[in-house]
Protein backbone atom coordinates (compact mmCIF):
# COMPACT_ATOMS: atom_id res chain seq x y z
CA MET A 1 0.00 0.00 0.00
CA LEU A 2 1.32 3.44 -0.89
CA TYR A 3 1.92 5.85 1.96
CA LYS A 4 -1.06 8.20 1.86
CA ARG A 5 -1.28 11.51 3.67
CA GLU A 6 -4.72 12.98 4.33
CA SER A 7 -6.25 15.56 6.63
CA GLY A 8 -7.36 14.11 9.93
CA TRP A 9 -10.57 16.11 9.78
CA LYS A 10 -11.90 14.05 6.84
CA GLU A 11 -14.74 11.68 7.66
CA LEU A 12 -14.52 12.50 11.36
CA SER A 13 -17.71 11.77 13.31
CA PRO A 14 -19.53 14.64 15.07
CA GLU A 15 -18.87 12.92 18.40
CA ARG A 16 -15.12 12.84 17.74
CA ARG A 17 -15.09 16.51 16.72
CA GLU A 18 -16.90 17.39 19.93
CA GLU A 19 -14.34 15.40 21.93
CA ILE A 20 -11.46 17.23 20.19
CA PHE A 21 -12.96 20.66 20.78
CA ALA A 22 -13.64 19.89 24.47
CA PHE A 23 -10.08 18.64 24.97
CA CYS A 24 -8.67 21.83 23.46
CA GLU A 25 -10.59 24.00 25.92
CA GLY A 26 -8.55 22.41 28.69
CA TYR A 27 -5.37 23.00 26.72
CA LYS A 28 -6.22 26.67 26.15
CA HIS A 29 -6.79 27.08 29.88
CA TYR A 30 -3.36 25.53 30.56
CA LEU A 31 -1.70 27.94 28.12
CA ASP A 32 -3.38 30.92 29.78
CA ILE A 33 -2.10 29.81 33.20
CA GLY A 34 1.30 28.44 32.18
CA LYS A 35 3.02 31.39 30.57
CA THR A 36 6.32 30.63 32.30
CA GLU A 37 8.08 27.36 33.03
CA ARG A 38 7.50 27.77 36.77
CA LYS A 39 3.75 28.17 36.27
CA CYS A 40 3.66 25.18 33.91
CA VAL A 41 5.23 23.05 36.64
CA THR A 42 2.90 24.34 39.36
CA GLU A 43 -0.21 23.70 37.28
CA ALA A 44 0.95 20.24 36.18
CA ILE A 45 1.61 19.24 39.82
CA ARG A 46 -1.90 20.40 40.72
CA MET A 47 -3.32 18.29 37.89
CA ALA A 48 -1.21 15.29 38.90
CA GLU A 49 -2.20 15.38 42.56
CA GLU A 50 -5.85 15.39 41.54
CA LYS A 51 -5.10 12.08 39.80
CA GLY A 52 -3.40 10.52 42.80
CA PHE A 53 0.26 11.31 42.10
CA VAL A 54 2.39 11.96 45.18
CA ALA A 55 5.83 13.47 45.79
CA VAL A 56 8.48 10.79 45.36
CA GLU A 57 9.96 11.72 48.74
CA SER A 58 6.89 10.20 50.41
CA LYS A 59 7.75 6.73 49.06
CA GLU A 60 10.60 4.52 50.31
CA ILE A 61 9.70 1.72 47.90
CA LEU A 62 7.97 1.96 44.53
CA GLU A 63 5.55 -0.79 43.50
CA PRO A 64 3.96 -1.41 40.08
CA GLY A 65 1.18 1.11 39.56
CA ASP A 66 2.61 3.73 41.92
CA LYS A 67 2.34 7.30 40.66
CA VAL A 68 4.97 9.84 41.72
CA TRP A 69 6.32 13.25 40.80
CA PHE A 70 9.70 14.99 41.09
CA ASN A 71 10.12 18.78 41.09
CA ASN A 72 13.54 20.19 40.20
CA ARG A 73 13.92 23.82 41.29
CA GLY A 74 10.43 24.71 40.13
CA LYS A 75 11.39 24.41 36.46
CA ASN A 76 11.51 20.65 35.77
CA LEU A 77 8.77 18.16 36.47
CA VAL A 78 8.91 14.38 36.24
CA LEU A 79 5.74 12.29 36.40
CA ALA A 80 6.20 8.52 36.61
CA VAL A 81 3.83 5.56 36.64
CA MET A 82 5.70 2.46 37.71
CA GLY A 83 5.43 -0.52 35.38
CA SER A 84 5.04 -4.23 36.06
CA LYS A 85 8.36 -5.18 34.45
CA ASP A 86 11.78 -4.79 36.07
CA ILE A 87 12.83 -1.18 35.50
CA ALA A 88 16.17 -2.46 34.18
CA GLU A 89 14.24 -3.54 31.07
CA GLY A 90 13.71 0.09 30.20
CA VAL A 91 11.35 3.04 30.50
CA ASN A 92 9.06 4.81 28.02
CA PHE A 93 9.95 8.51 28.15
CA VAL A 94 8.00 11.41 26.67
CA VAL A 95 10.14 14.53 27.05
CA SER A 96 8.90 18.05 26.31
CA HIS A 97 10.23 21.51 27.08
CA ILE A 98 8.21 24.16 28.87
CA ASP A 99 10.34 27.25 28.22
CA SER A 100 9.29 29.51 25.34
CA PRO A 101 10.88 32.53 23.63
CA ARG A 102 10.23 35.69 25.63
CA LEU A 103 11.79 38.84 27.08
CA ASP A 104 13.57 38.78 30.45
CA LEU A 105 14.15 41.87 32.57
CA LYS A 106 17.82 42.69 33.07
CA GLN A 107 19.16 42.64 36.62
CA GLN A 108 19.23 46.44 36.82
CA PRO A 109 16.31 47.26 34.55
CA VAL A 110 14.72 50.55 35.66
CA TYR A 111 15.71 53.91 34.18
CA GLU A 112 14.14 57.22 33.18
CA ASP A 113 14.44 58.94 29.80
CA THR A 114 12.55 62.02 28.56
CA GLU A 115 10.34 61.87 31.63
CA LEU A 116 9.22 58.31 30.90
CA ALA A 117 10.11 55.33 33.09
CA MET A 118 11.48 52.35 31.16
CA MET A 119 12.83 48.88 31.89
CA LYS A 120 15.64 47.15 30.01
CA THR A 121 15.12 43.62 28.68
CA HIS A 122 17.17 40.77 27.26
CA TYR A 123 15.42 38.48 24.79
CA TYR A 124 15.39 34.74 25.49
CA GLY A 125 15.50 32.22 22.65
CA GLY A 126 15.15 32.68 18.92
CA ILE A 127 12.68 35.47 18.23
CA LYS A 128 11.92 37.94 15.46
CA LYS A 129 12.45 41.00 17.62
CA TYR A 130 10.19 43.33 15.64
CA GLN A 131 7.18 41.10 16.43
CA TRP A 132 7.39 42.13 20.08
CA ALA A 133 7.01 45.90 19.59
CA SER A 134 3.73 47.81 19.92
CA ARG A 135 1.86 44.95 21.57
CA PRO A 136 0.57 44.55 25.12
CA LEU A 137 2.94 42.56 27.32
CA ALA A 138 2.37 41.00 30.73
CA LEU A 139 4.99 40.66 33.47
CA HIS A 140 5.36 37.29 35.19
CA GLY A 141 7.85 35.91 37.65
CA LEU A 142 9.22 36.15 41.12
CA VAL A 143 11.56 38.24 43.23
CA VAL A 144 13.61 36.55 45.93
CA LEU A 145 14.45 38.88 48.83
CA LYS A 146 17.69 38.73 50.81
CA ASP A 147 15.93 36.85 53.61
CA GLY A 148 14.96 34.12 51.14
CA SER A 149 11.27 34.99 50.98
CA LYS A 150 9.67 34.96 47.54
CA VAL A 151 7.37 37.55 46.01
CA GLU A 152 5.35 36.35 43.02
CA ILE A 153 4.36 38.93 40.43
CA THR A 154 1.77 38.70 37.66
CA ILE A 155 0.72 41.97 36.02
CA GLY A 156 -1.16 42.29 32.76
CA GLU A 157 -3.36 39.19 32.59
CA LYS A 158 -6.52 40.51 34.27
CA ASP A 159 -8.79 42.92 32.41
CA SER A 160 -8.22 45.45 35.19
CA ASP A 161 -4.40 45.17 35.06
CA PRO A 162 -2.07 47.60 33.31
CA VAL A 163 0.15 46.20 30.55
CA PHE A 164 3.57 47.11 29.20
CA SER A 165 4.77 47.81 25.68
CA ILE A 166 7.85 48.47 23.54
CA PRO A 167 7.23 51.75 21.66
CA ASP A 168 7.97 51.30 17.95
CA LEU A 169 8.88 54.12 15.56
CA LEU A 170 6.10 55.69 13.51
CA PRO A 171 6.30 55.21 9.70
CA HIS A 172 6.39 58.98 9.16
CA LEU A 173 9.86 59.17 10.76
CA ASP A 174 11.45 55.77 10.20
CA HIS A 175 13.01 56.41 6.76
CA LYS A 176 16.58 57.12 7.86
CA VAL A 177 16.64 55.38 11.20
CA GLN A 178 14.83 52.07 10.68
CA ARG A 179 13.38 51.44 7.23
CA ASP A 180 16.58 50.24 5.55
CA ARG A 181 17.51 47.84 8.32
CA LYS A 182 17.45 44.11 7.61
CA ALA A 183 14.72 42.12 9.35
CA PRO A 184 16.84 40.98 12.36
CA GLU A 185 17.65 44.62 13.12
CA VAL A 186 14.32 46.36 12.47
CA LEU A 187 14.26 46.40 16.25
CA LYS A 188 17.66 45.86 17.90
CA GLY A 189 18.14 44.03 21.18
CA GLU A 190 19.06 47.17 23.11
CA GLU A 191 15.95 48.91 21.74
CA MET A 192 13.60 46.33 23.25
CA ASN A 193 12.87 48.34 26.40
CA ILE A 194 9.38 48.60 27.83
CA LEU A 195 7.35 51.58 28.99
CA VAL A 196 6.49 51.23 32.68
CA GLY A 197 5.47 54.71 33.83
CA SER A 198 4.86 58.37 32.94
CA MET A 199 3.72 60.12 36.15
CA PRO A 200 6.24 61.88 38.41
CA ALA A 201 6.22 61.32 42.15
CA SER A 202 4.72 64.18 44.14
CA ILE A 203 7.60 64.61 46.57
CA LYS A 204 9.84 67.54 47.39
CA ASP A 205 13.35 66.12 47.62
CA ASP A 206 16.26 67.75 45.83
CA ASP A 207 18.18 64.45 45.93
CA VAL A 208 15.56 62.73 43.75
CA LYS A 209 16.23 63.78 40.16
CA GLU A 210 14.22 61.13 38.31
CA LEU A 211 10.72 61.55 39.68
CA VAL A 212 8.97 59.20 37.21
CA LYS A 213 11.37 56.35 37.95
CA TYR A 214 11.00 57.08 41.66
CA ASN A 215 7.22 56.88 41.36
CA VAL A 216 7.42 53.44 39.71
CA LEU A 217 9.77 52.10 42.36
CA GLN A 218 7.55 53.57 45.08
CA LYS A 219 4.49 51.78 43.68
CA LEU A 220 6.40 48.47 43.45
CA ASN A 221 7.46 48.88 47.06
CA GLU A 222 3.92 49.67 48.22
CA GLU A 223 2.39 46.77 46.29
CA TYR A 224 5.04 44.06 46.63
CA GLY A 225 7.47 45.22 49.32
CA ILE A 226 10.45 45.18 46.97
CA ILE A 227 13.22 47.72 46.41
CA GLU A 228 15.35 48.43 43.34
CA GLU A 229 18.20 46.22 44.51
CA ASP A 230 15.85 43.21 44.66
CA PHE A 231 15.75 43.03 40.85
CA ILE A 232 19.23 41.49 41.10
CA SER A 233 17.73 38.30 42.56
CA ALA A 234 14.61 38.17 40.40
CA GLU A 235 13.32 36.16 37.46
CA LEU A 236 10.85 38.41 35.66
CA GLN A 237 9.60 37.64 32.18
CA LEU A 238 7.55 39.58 29.66
CA VAL A 239 5.09 37.57 27.61
CA PRO A 240 2.16 38.49 25.35
CA ALA A 241 -0.79 39.71 27.42
CA ALA A 242 -3.35 37.69 25.49
CA LYS A 243 -5.38 34.55 26.02
CA ALA A 244 -5.39 31.52 23.74
CA LYS A 245 -8.05 31.95 21.05
CA ASP A 246 -9.81 29.86 18.43
CA VAL A 247 -8.69 30.72 14.90
CA GLY A 248 -10.83 30.62 11.76
CA PHE A 249 -14.53 30.65 10.98
CA ASP A 250 -14.64 26.91 11.72
CA ARG A 251 -12.68 27.29 14.99
CA GLY A 252 -10.44 24.43 13.89
CA MET A 253 -7.19 26.02 15.09
CA VAL A 254 -5.82 27.54 18.29
CA GLY A 255 -3.75 30.71 18.24
CA ALA A 256 -1.63 31.34 21.32
CA TYR A 257 1.72 32.20 22.79
CA GLY A 258 3.76 29.17 23.87
CA HIS A 259 2.55 26.30 21.66
CA ASP A 260 6.29 25.58 21.29
CA ASP A 261 6.50 23.42 23.26
CA ARG A 262 3.64 23.50 25.73
CA ILE A 263 1.44 21.80 23.15
CA CYS A 264 3.56 18.70 23.78
CA ALA A 265 3.96 19.32 27.51
CA TYR A 266 0.22 19.49 28.17
CA THR A 267 -0.65 16.50 26.00
CA SER A 268 2.11 14.35 27.49
CA VAL A 269 1.02 15.28 31.02
CA LYS A 270 -2.63 14.54 30.24
CA ALA A 271 -1.69 11.25 28.58
CA ILE A 272 0.18 9.93 31.63
CA LEU A 273 -2.48 11.22 34.04
CA ASP A 274 -5.16 9.39 32.05
CA LEU A 275 -3.37 6.02 32.07
CA ASP A 276 -6.05 3.71 33.47
CA HIS A 277 -3.87 0.63 34.03
CA THR A 278 -0.40 -0.35 35.15
CA PRO A 279 1.84 -0.29 32.07
CA GLU A 280 4.36 -3.07 31.45
CA LYS A 281 7.23 -0.61 31.25
CA THR A 282 7.46 2.35 33.60
CA ALA A 283 6.06 5.49 31.94
CA VAL A 284 7.87 8.79 32.49
CA CYS A 285 6.73 12.27 31.47
CA PHE A 286 9.62 14.72 31.76
CA LEU A 287 9.12 18.49 31.40
CA VAL A 288 12.43 20.27 30.86
CA ASP A 289 13.68 23.85 30.75
CA LYS A 290 16.21 25.86 28.73
CA GLU A 291 15.66 24.08 25.40
CA GLU A 292 15.31 27.40 23.59
CA THR A 293 18.82 28.42 24.68
CA GLY A 294 20.65 25.13 24.19
CA SER A 295 19.47 23.01 27.16
CA ALA A 296 22.31 24.20 29.42
CA GLY A 297 22.05 24.98 33.13
CA GLY A 298 20.81 22.99 36.11
CA THR A 299 17.28 22.65 34.69
CA GLY A 300 18.25 22.00 31.07
CA LEU A 301 18.58 18.50 29.64
CA GLN A 302 22.36 18.80 29.45
CA SER A 303 22.39 18.78 33.25
CA ARG A 304 22.59 15.46 35.10
CA TYR A 305 19.08 15.66 36.50
CA LEU A 306 17.96 12.82 34.21
CA GLU A 307 20.52 10.57 35.90
CA PHE A 308 19.53 11.88 39.33
CA PHE A 309 15.83 11.03 39.14
CA MET A 310 16.39 7.77 37.26
CA ASP A 311 18.81 6.61 39.97
CA GLU A 312 16.04 7.34 42.49
CA LEU A 313 13.43 5.42 40.49
CA VAL A 314 15.74 2.45 39.98
CA ALA A 315 16.77 2.28 43.63
CA LYS A 316 13.22 2.52 44.96
CA ALA A 317 11.74 0.19 42.34
CA ARG A 318 14.37 -2.47 43.13
CA ARG A 319 14.02 -2.08 46.93
CA GLY A 320 17.54 -0.76 47.35
CA ASP A 321 19.14 -3.34 45.04
CA TYR A 322 20.80 -0.56 43.13
CA SER A 323 23.95 0.02 41.14
CA SER A 324 24.87 2.56 38.48
CA ARG A 325 25.12 -0.41 36.11
CA VAL A 326 21.37 -1.04 36.48
CA THR A 327 20.58 2.60 35.64
CA ARG A 328 22.78 2.36 32.54
CA GLN A 329 20.98 -0.84 31.55
CA CYS A 330 17.67 0.93 32.03
CA PHE A 331 18.72 3.81 29.78
CA TRP A 332 20.02 1.48 27.09
CA ASN A 333 16.74 -0.47 27.04
CA SER A 334 14.55 2.65 27.07
CA ARG A 335 12.61 4.39 24.33
CA ALA A 336 11.79 8.07 24.12
CA LEU A 337 9.69 10.53 22.23
CA SER A 338 11.40 13.90 22.16
CA SER A 339 8.05 15.60 21.97
CA ASP A 340 8.68 18.85 20.17
CA VAL A 341 7.04 20.76 17.34
CA ASN A 342 7.83 21.02 13.64
CA ALA A 343 7.20 23.70 11.03
CA GLY A 344 3.93 23.20 9.19
CA ILE A 345 3.78 24.35 5.57
CA ASN A 346 3.01 28.06 5.53
CA PRO A 347 0.88 28.89 2.44
CA LEU A 348 2.53 32.33 2.23
CA PHE A 349 6.10 31.00 2.26
CA LYS A 350 6.01 27.52 0.71
CA SER A 351 9.40 27.98 -0.95
CA VAL A 352 11.33 27.21 2.25
CA HIS A 353 9.81 23.72 2.47
CA ASP A 354 10.32 20.46 0.63
CA GLU A 355 6.57 19.91 0.33
CA GLN A 356 6.90 16.14 -0.11
CA ASN A 357 8.66 15.89 3.26
CA ALA A 358 7.06 18.77 5.15
CA SER A 359 4.40 18.48 7.84
CA ARG A 360 0.91 19.97 7.52
CA LEU A 361 -1.60 21.25 10.03
CA GLY A 362 -4.46 18.86 10.63
CA HIS A 363 -2.55 15.75 9.58
CA GLY A 364 -1.80 14.46 13.06
CA LEU A 365 1.39 13.54 14.91
CA VAL A 366 4.62 14.56 13.18
CA LEU A 367 7.47 12.03 13.35
CA THR A 368 10.75 13.83 12.67
CA LYS A 369 13.53 11.27 12.16
CA TYR A 370 16.21 13.96 12.34
CA THR A 371 16.43 17.70 12.80
CA GLY A 372 19.72 19.63 12.72
CA SER A 373 20.86 21.87 9.90
CA ARG A 374 22.99 21.69 6.77
CA GLY A 375 24.29 18.16 6.76
CA LYS A 376 22.32 17.00 9.83
CA ALA A 377 24.61 18.94 12.17
CA MET A 378 23.75 18.73 15.88
CA THR A 379 20.96 16.18 15.67
CA ASN A 380 19.79 12.79 16.78
CA ASP A 381 18.95 10.55 13.82
CA ALA A 382 16.52 7.81 14.84
CA ASP A 383 17.44 4.33 13.67
CA ALA A 384 15.21 2.67 11.10
CA GLU A 385 14.28 -0.18 13.44
CA TYR A 386 12.86 2.22 15.99
CA VAL A 387 10.91 4.16 13.37
CA ALA A 388 9.38 0.90 12.12
CA GLU A 389 8.45 -0.06 15.67
CA LEU A 390 6.65 3.25 16.20
CA ARG A 391 4.84 2.98 12.88
CA ALA A 392 3.40 -0.30 14.10
CA VAL A 393 2.45 1.11 17.52
CA PHE A 394 0.64 4.12 16.09
CA ASP A 395 -1.04 2.26 13.24
CA GLU A 396 -2.36 -0.36 15.64
CA ALA A 397 -3.77 2.40 17.86
CA GLY A 398 -5.38 4.15 14.89
CA ILE A 399 -3.22 7.27 15.31
CA LYS A 400 -3.06 9.70 12.42
CA TRP A 401 0.63 10.45 11.85
CA GLN A 402 2.90 12.03 9.25
CA THR A 403 6.58 12.66 8.68
CA GLY A 404 8.21 16.08 8.75
CA MET A 405 11.40 18.04 8.19
CA LEU A 406 12.35 21.50 9.36
CA GLY A 407 12.66 23.10 5.93
CA LYS A 408 14.75 22.41 2.84
CA VAL A 409 18.23 21.02 3.34
CA ASP A 410 20.12 24.29 2.84
CA GLU A 411 17.38 26.59 4.09
CA GLY A 412 18.16 26.56 7.80
CA GLY A 413 17.08 24.07 10.42
CA GLY A 414 16.96 23.68 14.17
CA GLY A 415 17.39 21.28 17.05
CA THR A 416 15.57 19.66 19.95
CA VAL A 417 16.46 17.76 23.13
CA ALA A 418 16.53 14.44 21.25
CA MET A 419 20.31 14.26 20.96
CA PHE A 420 20.74 14.69 24.73
CA LEU A 421 18.47 11.69 25.36
CA ALA A 422 20.23 9.64 22.69
CA HIS A 423 23.51 10.38 24.48
CA TYR A 424 22.46 7.80 27.09
CA GLY A 425 21.66 5.18 24.47
CA ILE A 426 17.92 5.82 24.72
CA ARG A 427 16.23 5.12 21.38
CA THR A 428 14.79 8.52 20.51
CA ILE A 429 12.77 10.28 17.83
CA ASP A 430 11.10 13.69 17.68
CA ALA A 431 7.31 13.46 17.78
CA GLY A 432 4.97 16.43 18.11
CA ALA A 433 2.69 18.81 16.25
CA ALA A 434 3.06 21.03 13.20
CA LEU A 435 2.84 24.78 13.84
CA LEU A 436 2.51 27.98 11.88
CA SER A 437 4.26 31.19 13.04
CA MET A 438 6.59 29.26 15.34
CA HIS A 439 8.47 31.40 17.92
CA SER A 440 6.11 34.31 17.37
CA PRO A 441 3.88 35.89 20.03
CA MET A 442 0.96 34.03 18.43
CA GLU A 443 1.69 30.54 17.13
CA ILE A 444 -1.03 28.50 15.43
CA ALA A 445 -1.86 24.81 15.83
CA SER A 446 -4.63 22.52 14.61
CA LYS A 447 -7.10 21.28 17.20
CA PHE A 448 -7.06 17.88 15.52
CA ASP A 449 -3.30 17.64 15.97
CA ILE A 450 -3.47 18.72 19.63
CA HIS A 451 -5.81 15.87 20.44
CA GLU A 452 -4.07 13.36 18.19
CA ILE A 453 -0.66 13.78 19.81
CA TYR A 454 -2.38 13.23 23.18
CA ARG A 455 -3.72 9.93 21.82
CA ALA A 456 -0.30 9.06 20.39
CA TYR A 457 1.46 9.65 23.72
CA GLN A 458 -1.16 7.49 25.44
CA ALA A 459 -0.42 4.65 23.01
CA PHE A 460 3.30 5.07 23.54
CA TYR A 461 3.10 5.04 27.35
CA ALA A 462 0.90 1.95 27.22
């Protein structure tokens, strides 16, 4: 039989459409809450505890069917359902990242210029900088005071909240300054500063020269008890101040900030929470951080946290009969889906794609054998045996799936966490959804695909 690619919406029953639309309402709610990696972790723990998952620290021994979670510094989450087989025989991992491109406040952000208070930012991840100007932005994050206490901040999400914005240059005056710049420099990194105030403080103090800045700092102190120095120990992020929305007359798509890669994070979490039996192999959902900047740091996948929590699972599952050799055996016998997104064919810019090998919205799960760029640089390349195995798994479960590549060979490319999993000998392939407008403040995904990757991850865990 010839490989045939068709839209998943074709010949879909009304009941199935209703199920898909209902599922996506939950996903939209998750996106609205989880606009930072910390909030993604907090919400996923809440969801997991509702389904009977407990902190791994509460268990000395892990039995088949036990459901536990690990939390690494508020930015990584591991959910595990223990299987009936010896854990040395391997684990089924689904690994997604929960960080998304954004703007971070610098450590000393506040200044005043022309009687306007501003804050300096540093962009995080691969963005088109001009897309972030002249749009409402919300501020999320926390400030850690010298005494160790934490102050959480969310401004811009409620209808009654103020928002922040990067002021762009009007077209009447941009001819010499901006119009001839190339796209990456239409807005430069050091120009991505946000407006945060315009009213001067009503104080009489000759030592205070910048009254608008002073007024902003005064309001932050009154509302949150923080001072200017506290920004040094803060993690504050600017994200689009908008809720996830249906797209199109037929409402068949979702437009939102953060599909990359929370579309895979939410569906992988839901899939493991909805497991209604004890799997043969232990199922692990792993939400990671720092993928958009190379997976470095203590919460990125290049850290040794994967080894840390797997050592814990192995030791507790084998009642203390533990050695590093068993963990290595477990890794070598494991399978993983690096659940990340791919670029769907954009009808306005089809030339960057090899259409025969590109993914499409509405065609289900995208299996990406390799990513990388120009000669498969910096990529995992799944072995043919593993691809064949997954074809059988998904076909048997009735999953709609397709293959995908991230553009033409010499066009560009990109990477995922797959190669860091493969480093341990884990058989790994990228598996996620196709997106339009990836890395923009409003990415677009098909509702069919959102639900289908959930079904695919369920089949894989099982």
